[in-house]
């Protein structure tokens, strides 16, 4: 779907939910909705870069959990909160770089690499935490503000998400690196001939994806005042769905950051709306799965039309 079509779909969905339950369109609920989408938003932003190169990152949820657990462990051992927060992002970036290195130099399929590292990172999280949540020292103001604070009446995570979105929009659409991402996804052989350092680009996009996952993990840890080993489970599916709903092709080379933002909002409105309407949590999973399937089918149909 193009950006305009995606935006219209979002508007129609919001109107339908409002007609069923007017409480959906209240100011408090809309702010709550924006707060809810931040965790998926950061991951989807990073996933956009990966999918634009015809790659995939199935390890984002596991990176979220491991980076959160390791930084929480540092806090529990007395590390200052600001430094631990920075370390979480660095750890996420390093884990992402491992994915990128395996894809770039190992010449392995991104699906296989990130599926394997997802299991490794999740297992490492369980080993580190012994399967138990880490809570010690996680109620400090600095960390709490990241996921629960407000600035001028707007949740801080929402402001942070918009700032990161703006930075990544410029990076993707206004820099040489962004052009390299599109070139790599459009035709890898042609990109190589044109002098683009393909391995460097691949490592950087997975590093970015890992860093975005870590930021998402910080927000979740802040909200819960706890780092749980199962955090982030299934988040990769929501992120992929948001990216594809936003018009980015799974075949690579086509997509926009703005479309991803709309896709994130569609997923968020759907989840929030189903809760507002009172749909059973069991049926919510069914509906969410159908939406993900529709998103992929739309991409397949769109790709066939262009073939």
C-alpha atoms as a PDB file:
ATOM      1  CA  UNK A   1       0.000   0.000   0.000  1.00  0.00           C
ATOM      2  CA  UNK A   2       1.138   3.525  -0.735  1.00  0.00           C
ATOM      3  CA  UNK A   3       1.472   6.049   2.061  1.00  0.00           C
ATOM      4  CA  UNK A   4      -1.823   7.730   1.181  1.00  0.00           C
ATOM      5  CA  UNK A   5      -3.705   4.425   1.110  1.00  0.00           C
ATOM      6  CA  UNK A   6      -2.142   3.412   4.413  1.00  0.00           C
ATOM      7  CA  UNK A   7      -3.089   6.734   5.980  1.00  0.00           C
ATOM      8  CA  UNK A   8      -6.667   6.375   4.759  1.00  0.00           C
ATOM      9  CA  UNK A   9      -6.801   2.854   6.203  1.00  0.00           C
ATOM     10  CA  UNK A  10      -5.682   4.240   9.568  1.00  0.00           C
ATOM     11  CA  UNK A  11      -8.337   6.971   9.494  1.00  0.00           C
ATOM     12  CA  UNK A  12     -11.100   4.523   8.537  1.00  0.00           C
ATOM     13  CA  UNK A  13     -10.045   2.127  11.313  1.00  0.00           C
ATOM     14  CA  UNK A  14     -10.150   4.940  13.871  1.00  0.00           C
ATOM     15  CA  UNK A  15     -13.583   6.074  12.693  1.00  0.00           C
ATOM     16  CA  UNK A  16     -15.014   2.543  12.868  1.00  0.00           C
ATOM     17  CA  UNK A  17     -13.698   1.982  16.386  1.00  0.00           C
ATOM     18  CA  UNK A  18     -14.995   5.387  17.508  1.00  0.00           C
ATOM     19  CA  UNK A  19     -18.459   4.587  16.155  1.00  0.00           C
ATOM     20  CA  UNK A  20     -18.473   1.373  18.166  1.00  0.00           C
ATOM     21  CA  UNK A  21     -17.101   3.010  21.312  1.00  0.00           C
ATOM     22  CA  UNK A  22     -16.744   6.831  21.472  1.00  0.00           C
ATOM     23  CA  UNK A  23     -14.327   6.484  24.418  1.00  0.00           C
ATOM     24  CA  UNK A  24     -11.646   5.606  21.895  1.00  0.00           C
ATOM     25  CA  UNK A  25     -11.316   9.211  20.715  1.00  0.00           C
ATOM     26  CA  UNK A  26     -10.811  10.769  24.148  1.00  0.00           C
ATOM     27  CA  UNK A  27      -7.616  12.705  24.775  1.00  0.00           C
ATOM     28  CA  UNK A  28      -6.445  10.404  27.548  1.00  0.00           C
ATOM     29  CA  UNK A  29      -6.919   7.282  25.447  1.00  0.00           C
ATOM     30  CA  UNK A  30      -5.138   8.759  22.426  1.00  0.00           C
ATOM     31  CA  UNK A  31      -2.148   9.675  24.595  1.00  0.00           C
ATOM     32  CA  UNK A  32      -2.229   6.186  26.056  1.00  0.00           C
ATOM     33  CA  UNK A  33      -2.344   4.751  22.536  1.00  0.00           C
ATOM     34  CA  UNK A  34       0.718   6.749  21.503  1.00  0.00           C
ATOM     35  CA  UNK A  35       2.510   5.557  24.623  1.00  0.00           C
ATOM     36  CA  UNK A  36       1.610   1.957  23.815  1.00  0.00           C
ATOM     37  CA  UNK A  37       3.033   2.109  20.279  1.00  0.00           C
ATOM     38  CA  UNK A  38       6.457   3.421  21.282  1.00  0.00           C
ATOM     39  CA  UNK A  39       7.962   0.008  22.040  1.00  0.00           C
ATOM     40  CA  UNK A  40       6.946  -1.333  18.630  1.00  0.00           C
ATOM     41  CA  UNK A  41       7.797   1.970  16.972  1.00  0.00           C
ATOM     42  CA  UNK A  42      11.505   1.901  17.764  1.00  0.00           C
ATOM     43  CA  UNK A  43      11.853  -1.712  16.631  1.00  0.00           C
ATOM     44  CA  UNK A  44       9.879  -1.031  13.432  1.00  0.00           C
ATOM     45  CA  UNK A  45      12.088   1.955  12.596  1.00  0.00           C
ATOM     46  CA  UNK A  46      15.173  -0.238  12.726  1.00  0.00           C
ATOM     47  CA  UNK A  47      13.399  -3.069  10.919  1.00  0.00           C
ATOM     48  CA  UNK A  48      12.599  -0.686   8.041  1.00  0.00           C
ATOM     49  CA  UNK A  49      16.286  -0.348   7.207  1.00  0.00           C
ATOM     50  CA  UNK A  50      16.757  -4.119   7.379  1.00  0.00           C
ATOM     51  CA  UNK A  51      13.770  -4.971   5.174  1.00  0.00           C
ATOM     52  CA  UNK A  52      14.703  -2.271   2.659  1.00  0.00           C
ATOM     53  CA  UNK A  53      17.826  -4.340   1.964  1.00  0.00           C
ATOM     54  CA  UNK A  54      15.618  -7.443   1.491  1.00  0.00           C
ATOM     55  CA  UNK A  55      16.766  -8.713   4.876  1.00  0.00           C
ATOM     56  CA  UNK A  56      14.888  -9.661   8.030  1.00  0.00           C
ATOM     57  CA  UNK A  57      15.684  -9.505  11.730  1.00  0.00           C
ATOM     58  CA  UNK A  58      13.962 -12.119  13.866  1.00  0.00           C
ATOM     59  CA  UNK A  59      16.235 -11.475  16.829  1.00  0.00           C
ATOM     60  CA  UNK A  60      14.913  -8.023  17.829  1.00  0.00           C
ATOM     61  CA  UNK A  61      12.795  -9.371  20.700  1.00  0.00           C
ATOM     62  CA  UNK A  62      15.680 -11.415  22.063  1.00  0.00           C
ATOM     63  CA  UNK A  63      18.069  -8.448  21.760  1.00  0.00           C
ATOM     64  CA  UNK A  64      15.517  -6.373  23.651  1.00  0.00           C
ATOM     65  CA  UNK A  65      15.444  -8.924  26.471  1.00  0.00           C
ATOM     66  CA  UNK A  66      19.199  -9.538  26.689  1.00  0.00           C
ATOM     67  CA  UNK A  67      20.232  -5.877  26.559  1.00  0.00           C
ATOM     68  CA  UNK A  68      17.630  -5.056  29.209  1.00  0.00           C
ATOM     69  CA  UNK A  69      18.710  -7.933  31.454  1.00  0.00           C
ATOM     70  CA  UNK A  70      22.415  -7.118  31.205  1.00  0.00           C
ATOM     71  CA  UNK A  71      21.906  -3.417  31.899  1.00  0.00           C
ATOM     72  CA  UNK A  72      19.544  -4.247  34.778  1.00  0.00           C
ATOM     73  CA  UNK A  73      22.212  -6.542  36.184  1.00  0.00           C
ATOM     74  CA  UNK A  74      24.694  -3.662  36.015  1.00  0.00           C
ATOM     75  CA  UNK A  75      22.246  -1.417  37.868  1.00  0.00           C
ATOM     76  CA  UNK A  76      21.736  -4.099  40.507  1.00  0.00           C
ATOM     77  CA  UNK A  77      25.534  -4.162  40.986  1.00  0.00           C
ATOM     78  CA  UNK A  78      25.600  -0.413  41.583  1.00  0.00           C
ATOM     79  CA  UNK A  79      26.268   1.109  38.160  1.00  0.00           C
ATOM     80  CA  UNK A  80      24.812   4.655  37.842  1.00  0.00           C
ATOM     81  CA  UNK A  81      21.514   4.657  35.949  1.00  0.00           C
ATOM     82  CA  UNK A  82      22.572   7.009  33.097  1.00  0.00           C
ATOM     83  CA  UNK A  83      25.634   4.860  32.360  1.00  0.00           C
ATOM     84  CA  UNK A  84      23.593   1.649  32.510  1.00  0.00           C
ATOM     85  CA  UNK A  85      21.068   3.120  30.069  1.00  0.00           C
ATOM     86  CA  UNK A  86      23.886   3.983  27.663  1.00  0.00           C
ATOM     87  CA  UNK A  87      25.332   0.493  28.096  1.00  0.00           C
ATOM     88  CA  UNK A  88      21.973  -1.055  27.190  1.00  0.00           C
ATOM     89  CA  UNK A  89      21.972   0.750  23.832  1.00  0.00           C
ATOM     90  CA  UNK A  90      25.612  -0.176  23.220  1.00  0.00           C
ATOM     91  CA  UNK A  91      24.913  -3.826  24.023  1.00  0.00           C
ATOM     92  CA  UNK A  92      21.948  -3.825  21.657  1.00  0.00           C
ATOM     93  CA  UNK A  93      24.097  -2.305  18.920  1.00  0.00           C
ATOM     94  CA  UNK A  94      26.838  -4.909  19.464  1.00  0.00           C
ATOM     95  CA  UNK A  95      24.344  -7.774  19.289  1.00  0.00           C
ATOM     96  CA  UNK A  96      22.933  -6.294  16.107  1.00  0.00           C
ATOM     97  CA  UNK A  97      26.450  -5.935  14.694  1.00  0.00           C
ATOM     98  CA  UNK A  98      26.983  -9.653  15.309  1.00  0.00           C
ATOM     99  CA  UNK A  99      23.947 -10.338  13.116  1.00  0.00           C
ATOM    100  CA  UNK A 100      25.230  -7.965  10.454  1.00  0.00           C
ATOM    101  CA  UNK A 101      28.700  -9.486  10.442  1.00  0.00           C
ATOM    102  CA  UNK A 102      27.327 -13.002  10.025  1.00  0.00           C
ATOM    103  CA  UNK A 103      25.087 -11.853   7.181  1.00  0.00           C
ATOM    104  CA  UNK A 104      27.787  -9.769   5.485  1.00  0.00           C
ATOM    105  CA  UNK A 105      30.912 -11.910   5.854  1.00  0.00           C
ATOM    106  CA  UNK A 106      29.364 -15.292   6.562  1.00  0.00           C
ATOM    107  CA  UNK A 107      27.204 -14.939   3.436  1.00  0.00           C
ATOM    108  CA  UNK A 108      24.340 -16.475   5.369  1.00  0.00           C
ATOM    109  CA  UNK A 109      20.651 -15.799   4.819  1.00  0.00           C
ATOM    110  CA  UNK A 110      19.365 -13.133   7.248  1.00  0.00           C
ATOM    111  CA  UNK A 111      16.391 -15.325   8.151  1.00  0.00           C
ATOM    112  CA  UNK A 112      18.645 -18.183   9.280  1.00  0.00           C
ATOM    113  CA  UNK A 113      21.174 -15.936  11.022  1.00  0.00           C
ATOM    114  CA  UNK A 114      18.652 -13.981  13.053  1.00  0.00           C
ATOM    115  CA  UNK A 115      16.560 -17.057  13.829  1.00  0.00           C
ATOM    116  CA  UNK A 116      19.657 -18.720  15.286  1.00  0.00           C
ATOM    117  CA  UNK A 117      20.874 -15.638  17.170  1.00  0.00           C
ATOM    118  CA  UNK A 118      17.363 -15.103  18.507  1.00  0.00           C
ATOM    119  CA  UNK A 119      17.582 -18.499  20.178  1.00  0.00           C
ATOM    120  CA  UNK A 120      21.122 -17.798  21.386  1.00  0.00           C
ATOM    121  CA  UNK A 121      20.305 -14.359  22.813  1.00  0.00           C
ATOM    122  CA  UNK A 122      17.086 -15.546  24.438  1.00  0.00           C
ATOM    123  CA  UNK A 123      18.881 -18.524  25.951  1.00  0.00           C
ATOM    124  CA  UNK A 124      21.677 -16.273  27.206  1.00  0.00           C
ATOM    125  CA  UNK A 125      19.053 -14.056  28.848  1.00  0.00           C
ATOM    126  CA  UNK A 126      17.556 -17.016  30.660  1.00  0.00           C
ATOM    127  CA  UNK A 127      21.009 -18.176  31.778  1.00  0.00           C
ATOM    128  CA  UNK A 128      21.955 -14.693  33.021  1.00  0.00           C
ATOM    129  CA  UNK A 129      18.702 -14.149  34.907  1.00  0.00           C
ATOM    130  CA  UNK A 130      18.200 -17.794  35.884  1.00  0.00           C
ATOM    131  CA  UNK A 131      14.702 -17.322  34.467  1.00  0.00           C
ATOM    132  CA  UNK A 132      13.785 -14.702  37.049  1.00  0.00           C
ATOM    133  CA  UNK A 133      13.028 -10.990  36.578  1.00  0.00           C
ATOM    134  CA  UNK A 134      15.568  -8.424  37.787  1.00  0.00           C
ATOM    135  CA  UNK A 135      14.029  -5.631  39.862  1.00  0.00           C
ATOM    136  CA  UNK A 136      16.787  -4.321  42.137  1.00  0.00           C
ATOM    137  CA  UNK A 137      17.504  -0.611  41.616  1.00  0.00           C
ATOM    138  CA  UNK A 138      15.143  -0.232  38.656  1.00  0.00           C
ATOM    139  CA  UNK A 139      12.814   2.227  40.382  1.00  0.00           C
ATOM    140  CA  UNK A 140      15.258   5.166  40.158  1.00  0.00           C
ATOM    141  CA  UNK A 141      13.939   8.440  38.738  1.00  0.00           C
ATOM    142  CA  UNK A 142      16.216   8.558  35.676  1.00  0.00           C
ATOM    143  CA  UNK A 143      15.161   5.168  34.365  1.00  0.00           C
ATOM    144  CA  UNK A 144      11.532   5.680  35.411  1.00  0.00           C
ATOM    145  CA  UNK A 145      11.348   8.933  33.434  1.00  0.00           C
ATOM    146  CA  UNK A 146      12.421   7.203  30.197  1.00  0.00           C
ATOM    147  CA  UNK A 147       9.290   5.066  30.119  1.00  0.00           C
ATOM    148  CA  UNK A 148       6.879   6.896  32.419  1.00  0.00           C
ATOM    149  CA  UNK A 149       7.835  10.574  32.409  1.00  0.00           C
ATOM    150  CA  UNK A 150       5.901  13.464  30.868  1.00  0.00           C
ATOM    151  CA  UNK A 151       7.170  16.609  29.159  1.00  0.00           C
ATOM    152  CA  UNK A 152       4.659  19.414  28.536  1.00  0.00           C
ATOM    153  CA  UNK A 153       1.844  16.933  29.127  1.00  0.00           C
ATOM    154  CA  UNK A 154       3.131  14.465  26.537  1.00  0.00           C
ATOM    155  CA  UNK A 155       4.634  11.100  27.530  1.00  0.00           C
ATOM    156  CA  UNK A 156       8.423  11.272  27.227  1.00  0.00           C
ATOM    157  CA  UNK A 157       8.627   7.965  25.264  1.00  0.00           C
ATOM    158  CA  UNK A 158       6.374   9.522  22.598  1.00  0.00           C
ATOM    159  CA  UNK A 159       8.624  12.577  22.330  1.00  0.00           C
ATOM    160  CA  UNK A 160      11.685  10.337  22.146  1.00  0.00           C
ATOM    161  CA  UNK A 161      10.056   8.222  19.445  1.00  0.00           C
ATOM    162  CA  UNK A 162       9.288  11.296  17.333  1.00  0.00           C
ATOM    163  CA  UNK A 163      12.843  12.605  17.727  1.00  0.00           C
ATOM    164  CA  UNK A 164      14.340   9.252  16.716  1.00  0.00           C
ATOM    165  CA  UNK A 165      11.872   9.031  13.812  1.00  0.00           C
ATOM    166  CA  UNK A 166      12.995  12.449  12.548  1.00  0.00           C
ATOM    167  CA  UNK A 167      16.672  11.505  12.805  1.00  0.00           C
ATOM    168  CA  UNK A 168      16.176   8.199  10.987  1.00  0.00           C
ATOM    169  CA  UNK A 169      13.979   9.876   8.348  1.00  0.00           C
ATOM    170  CA  UNK A 170      16.835  12.235   7.522  1.00  0.00           C
ATOM    171  CA  UNK A 171      19.351   9.355   7.616  1.00  0.00           C
ATOM    172  CA  UNK A 172      17.308   7.253   5.200  1.00  0.00           C
ATOM    173  CA  UNK A 173      15.986   9.894   2.830  1.00  0.00           C
ATOM    174  CA  UNK A 174      18.620  12.611   2.858  1.00  0.00           C
ATOM    175  CA  UNK A 175      22.033  10.950   3.173  1.00  0.00           C
ATOM    176  CA  UNK A 176      24.394   8.862   1.072  1.00  0.00           C
ATOM    177  CA  UNK A 177      23.961   6.012   3.539  1.00  0.00           C
ATOM    178  CA  UNK A 178      20.210   6.007   2.906  1.00  0.00           C
ATOM    179  CA  UNK A 179      20.795   5.879  -0.849  1.00  0.00           C
ATOM    180  CA  UNK A 180      23.114   2.919  -0.284  1.00  0.00           C
ATOM    181  CA  UNK A 181      20.373   1.122   1.653  1.00  0.00           C
ATOM    182  CA  UNK A 182      17.917   1.542  -1.223  1.00  0.00           C
ATOM    183  CA  UNK A 183      20.541   0.557  -3.787  1.00  0.00           C
ATOM    184  CA  UNK A 184      21.447  -2.593  -1.863  1.00  0.00           C
ATOM    185  CA  UNK A 185      17.812  -3.631  -1.629  1.00  0.00           C
ATOM    186  CA  UNK A 186      17.028  -2.768  -5.227  1.00  0.00           C
ATOM    187  CA  UNK A 187      19.892  -4.619  -6.902  1.00  0.00           C
ATOM    188  CA  UNK A 188      22.815  -5.865  -4.839  1.00  0.00           C
ATOM    189  CA  UNK A 189      25.021  -6.611  -7.851  1.00  0.00           C
ATOM    190  CA  UNK A 190      24.467  -3.166  -9.346  1.00  0.00           C
ATOM    191  CA  UNK A 191      25.122  -1.582  -5.938  1.00  0.00           C
ATOM    192  CA  UNK A 192      28.447  -3.443  -5.721  1.00  0.00           C
ATOM    193  CA  UNK A 193      29.468  -2.337  -9.204  1.00  0.00           C
ATOM    194  CA  UNK A 194      28.636   1.271  -8.323  1.00  0.00           C
ATOM    195  CA  UNK A 195      31.196   1.128  -5.513  1.00  0.00           C
ATOM    196  CA  UNK A 196      28.944   0.778  -2.470  1.00  0.00           C
ATOM    197  CA  UNK A 197      30.612  -1.060   0.407  1.00  0.00           C
ATOM    198  CA  UNK A 198      27.909  -3.667   0.819  1.00  0.00           C
ATOM    199  CA  UNK A 199      29.304  -5.405   3.904  1.00  0.00           C
ATOM    200  CA  UNK A 200      29.670  -2.110   5.753  1.00  0.00           C
ATOM    201  CA  UNK A 201      26.068  -1.147   4.960  1.00  0.00           C
ATOM    202  CA  UNK A 202      24.746  -4.544   6.063  1.00  0.00           C
ATOM    203  CA  UNK A 203      26.583  -4.400   9.377  1.00  0.00           C
ATOM    204  CA  UNK A 204      25.404  -0.848  10.030  1.00  0.00           C
ATOM    205  CA  UNK A 205      21.721  -1.568   9.405  1.00  0.00           C
ATOM    206  CA  UNK A 206      21.693  -4.572  11.746  1.00  0.00           C
ATOM    207  CA  UNK A 207      23.625  -2.543  14.309  1.00  0.00           C
ATOM    208  CA  UNK A 208      20.931   0.123  14.055  1.00  0.00           C
ATOM    209  CA  UNK A 209      18.213  -2.490  14.415  1.00  0.00           C
ATOM    210  CA  UNK A 210      19.867  -3.826  17.565  1.00  0.00           C
ATOM    211  CA  UNK A 211      20.185  -0.341  19.065  1.00  0.00           C
ATOM    212  CA  UNK A 212      16.511   0.394  18.386  1.00  0.00           C
ATOM    213  CA  UNK A 213      15.550  -2.886  20.071  1.00  0.00           C
ATOM    214  CA  UNK A 214      17.582  -1.914  23.131  1.00  0.00           C
ATOM    215  CA  UNK A 215      15.819   1.459  23.379  1.00  0.00           C
ATOM    216  CA  UNK A 216      12.492  -0.348  23.208  1.00  0.00           C
ATOM    217  CA  UNK A 217      13.722  -2.625  25.994  1.00  0.00           C
ATOM    218  CA  UNK A 218      14.608   0.362  28.165  1.00  0.00           C
ATOM    219  CA  UNK A 219      11.088   1.736  27.812  1.00  0.00           C
ATOM    220  CA  UNK A 220       9.517  -1.601  28.756  1.00  0.00           C
ATOM    221  CA  UNK A 221      11.907  -2.050  31.688  1.00  0.00           C
ATOM    222  CA  UNK A 222      11.085   1.466  32.866  1.00  0.00           C
ATOM    223  CA  UNK A 223       7.340   0.855  32.730  1.00  0.00           C
ATOM    224  CA  UNK A 224       7.544  -2.413  34.625  1.00  0.00           C
ATOM    225  CA  UNK A 225      10.450  -1.477  36.921  1.00  0.00           C
ATOM    226  CA  UNK A 226      11.631  -4.945  36.010  1.00  0.00           C
ATOM    227  CA  UNK A 227      13.750  -6.686  33.366  1.00  0.00           C
ATOM    228  CA  UNK A 228      12.066  -9.981  32.532  1.00  0.00           C
ATOM    229  CA  UNK A 229      13.736 -12.763  30.495  1.00  0.00           C
ATOM    230  CA  UNK A 230      10.614 -13.189  28.333  1.00  0.00           C
ATOM    231  CA  UNK A 231      10.369  -9.510  27.427  1.00  0.00           C
ATOM    232  CA  UNK A 232      10.002  -8.813  23.717  1.00  0.00           C
ATOM    233  CA  UNK A 233       8.580 -12.205  22.766  1.00  0.00           C
ATOM    234  CA  UNK A 234       6.758 -11.887  19.445  1.00  0.00           C
ATOM    235  CA  UNK A 235       7.743  -8.257  18.949  1.00  0.00           C
ATOM    236  CA  UNK A 236       9.469  -9.074  15.672  1.00  0.00           C
ATOM    237  CA  UNK A 237       6.118 -10.006  14.134  1.00  0.00           C
ATOM    238  CA  UNK A 238       4.473  -6.740  15.123  1.00  0.00           C
ATOM    239  CA  UNK A 239       7.435  -4.770  13.781  1.00  0.00           C
ATOM    240  CA  UNK A 240       7.486  -6.642  10.464  1.00  0.00           C
ATOM    241  CA  UNK A 241       3.723  -6.198  10.122  1.00  0.00           C
ATOM    242  CA  UNK A 242       4.009  -2.452  10.780  1.00  0.00           C
ATOM    243  CA  UNK A 243       6.791  -2.065   8.220  1.00  0.00           C
ATOM    244  CA  UNK A 244       4.957  -4.032   5.522  1.00  0.00           C
ATOM    245  CA  UNK A 245       1.627  -2.324   6.248  1.00  0.00           C
ATOM    246  CA  UNK A 246       3.522   0.939   5.797  1.00  0.00           C
ATOM    247  CA  UNK A 247       4.406   0.036   2.223  1.00  0.00           C
ATOM    248  CA  UNK A 248       7.950  -1.325   2.561  1.00  0.00           C
ATOM    249  CA  UNK A 249       8.453  -4.329   0.299  1.00  0.00           C
ATOM    250  CA  UNK A 250       9.806  -7.565   1.744  1.00  0.00           C
ATOM    251  CA  UNK A 251      11.695  -7.865  -1.543  1.00  0.00           C
ATOM    252  CA  UNK A 252      13.649  -4.740  -0.618  1.00  0.00           C
ATOM    253  CA  UNK A 253      14.393  -1.454  -2.339  1.00  0.00           C
ATOM    254  CA  UNK A 254      11.047   0.249  -1.747  1.00  0.00           C
ATOM    255  CA  UNK A 255       9.572   1.891   1.328  1.00  0.00           C
ATOM    256  CA  UNK A 256       9.449   5.063   3.409  1.00  0.00           C
ATOM    257  CA  UNK A 257       9.895   5.876   7.084  1.00  0.00           C
ATOM    258  CA  UNK A 258       6.605   7.773   7.096  1.00  0.00           C
ATOM    259  CA  UNK A 259       4.817   4.648   5.925  1.00  0.00           C
ATOM    260  CA  UNK A 260       6.349   2.683   8.783  1.00  0.00           C
ATOM    261  CA  UNK A 261       5.093   5.256  11.284  1.00  0.00           C
ATOM    262  CA  UNK A 262       1.571   4.886   9.896  1.00  0.00           C
ATOM    263  CA  UNK A 263       1.919   1.100  10.031  1.00  0.00           C
ATOM    264  CA  UNK A 264       2.962   1.313  13.687  1.00  0.00           C
ATOM    265  CA  UNK A 265      -0.096   3.438  14.415  1.00  0.00           C
ATOM    266  CA  UNK A 266      -2.390   0.989  12.612  1.00  0.00           C
ATOM    267  CA  UNK A 267      -1.121  -1.886  14.766  1.00  0.00           C
ATOM    268  CA  UNK A 268      -1.462   0.295  17.872  1.00  0.00           C
ATOM    269  CA  UNK A 269      -4.978   1.487  17.019  1.00  0.00           C
ATOM    270  CA  UNK A 270      -6.040  -2.086  16.336  1.00  0.00           C
ATOM    271  CA  UNK A 271      -4.705  -3.354  19.674  1.00  0.00           C
ATOM    272  CA  UNK A 272      -6.055  -0.408  21.646  1.00  0.00           C
ATOM    273  CA  UNK A 273      -9.382  -0.467  19.828  1.00  0.00           C
ATOM    274  CA  UNK A 274      -9.943  -4.173  20.448  1.00  0.00           C
ATOM    275  CA  UNK A 275      -9.374  -3.561  24.163  1.00  0.00           C
ATOM    276  CA  UNK A 276     -11.715  -0.573  24.188  1.00  0.00           C
ATOM    277  CA  UNK A 277     -14.412  -2.556  22.390  1.00  0.00           C
ATOM    278  CA  UNK A 278     -13.977  -5.423  24.840  1.00  0.00           C
ATOM    279  CA  UNK A 279     -12.819  -8.153  22.464  1.00  0.00           C
ATOM    280  CA  UNK A 280     -11.466 -11.239  24.228  1.00  0.00           C
ATOM    281  CA  UNK A 281      -7.670 -11.458  24.468  1.00  0.00           C
ATOM    282  CA  UNK A 282      -7.867 -14.838  22.720  1.00  0.00           C
ATOM    283  CA  UNK A 283      -9.707 -13.360  19.746  1.00  0.00           C
ATOM    284  CA  UNK A 284      -7.314 -10.430  19.703  1.00  0.00           C
ATOM    285  CA  UNK A 285      -4.473 -12.810  18.895  1.00  0.00           C
ATOM    286  CA  UNK A 286      -6.524 -14.291  16.049  1.00  0.00           C
ATOM    287  CA  UNK A 287      -7.286 -10.855  14.617  1.00  0.00           C
ATOM    288  CA  UNK A 288      -3.679  -9.680  14.982  1.00  0.00           C
ATOM    289  CA  UNK A 289      -2.480 -12.787  13.164  1.00  0.00           C
ATOM    290  CA  UNK A 290      -4.952 -12.143  10.346  1.00  0.00           C
ATOM    291  CA  UNK A 291      -3.696  -8.560  10.027  1.00  0.00           C
ATOM    292  CA  UNK A 292      -0.081  -9.758   9.779  1.00  0.00           C
ATOM    293  CA  UNK A 293      -1.110 -12.302   7.133  1.00  0.00           C
ATOM    294  CA  UNK A 294      -2.976  -9.628   5.161  1.00  0.00           C
ATOM    295  CA  UNK A 295       0.066  -7.344   5.326  1.00  0.00           C
ATOM    296  CA  UNK A 296       2.295 -10.033   3.825  1.00  0.00           C
ATOM    297  CA  UNK A 297      -0.280 -10.954   1.170  1.00  0.00           C
ATOM    298  CA  UNK A 298      -0.574  -7.310   0.147  1.00  0.00           C
ATOM    299  CA  UNK A 299       3.186  -7.154  -0.316  1.00  0.00           C
ATOM    300  CA  UNK A 300       3.202 -10.355  -2.391  1.00  0.00           C
ATOM    301  CA  UNK A 301       0.405  -9.093  -4.653  1.00  0.00           C
ATOM    302  CA  UNK A 302       2.109  -5.718  -5.014  1.00  0.00           C
ATOM    303  CA  UNK A 303       5.401  -7.403  -5.953  1.00  0.00           C
ATOM    304  CA  UNK A 304       3.732  -9.637  -8.581  1.00  0.00           C
ATOM    305  CA  UNK A 305       2.074  -6.643 -10.230  1.00  0.00           C
ATOM    306  CA  UNK A 306       5.476  -5.014 -10.678  1.00  0.00           C
ATOM    307  CA  UNK A 307       7.140  -8.177 -11.938  1.00  0.00           C
END
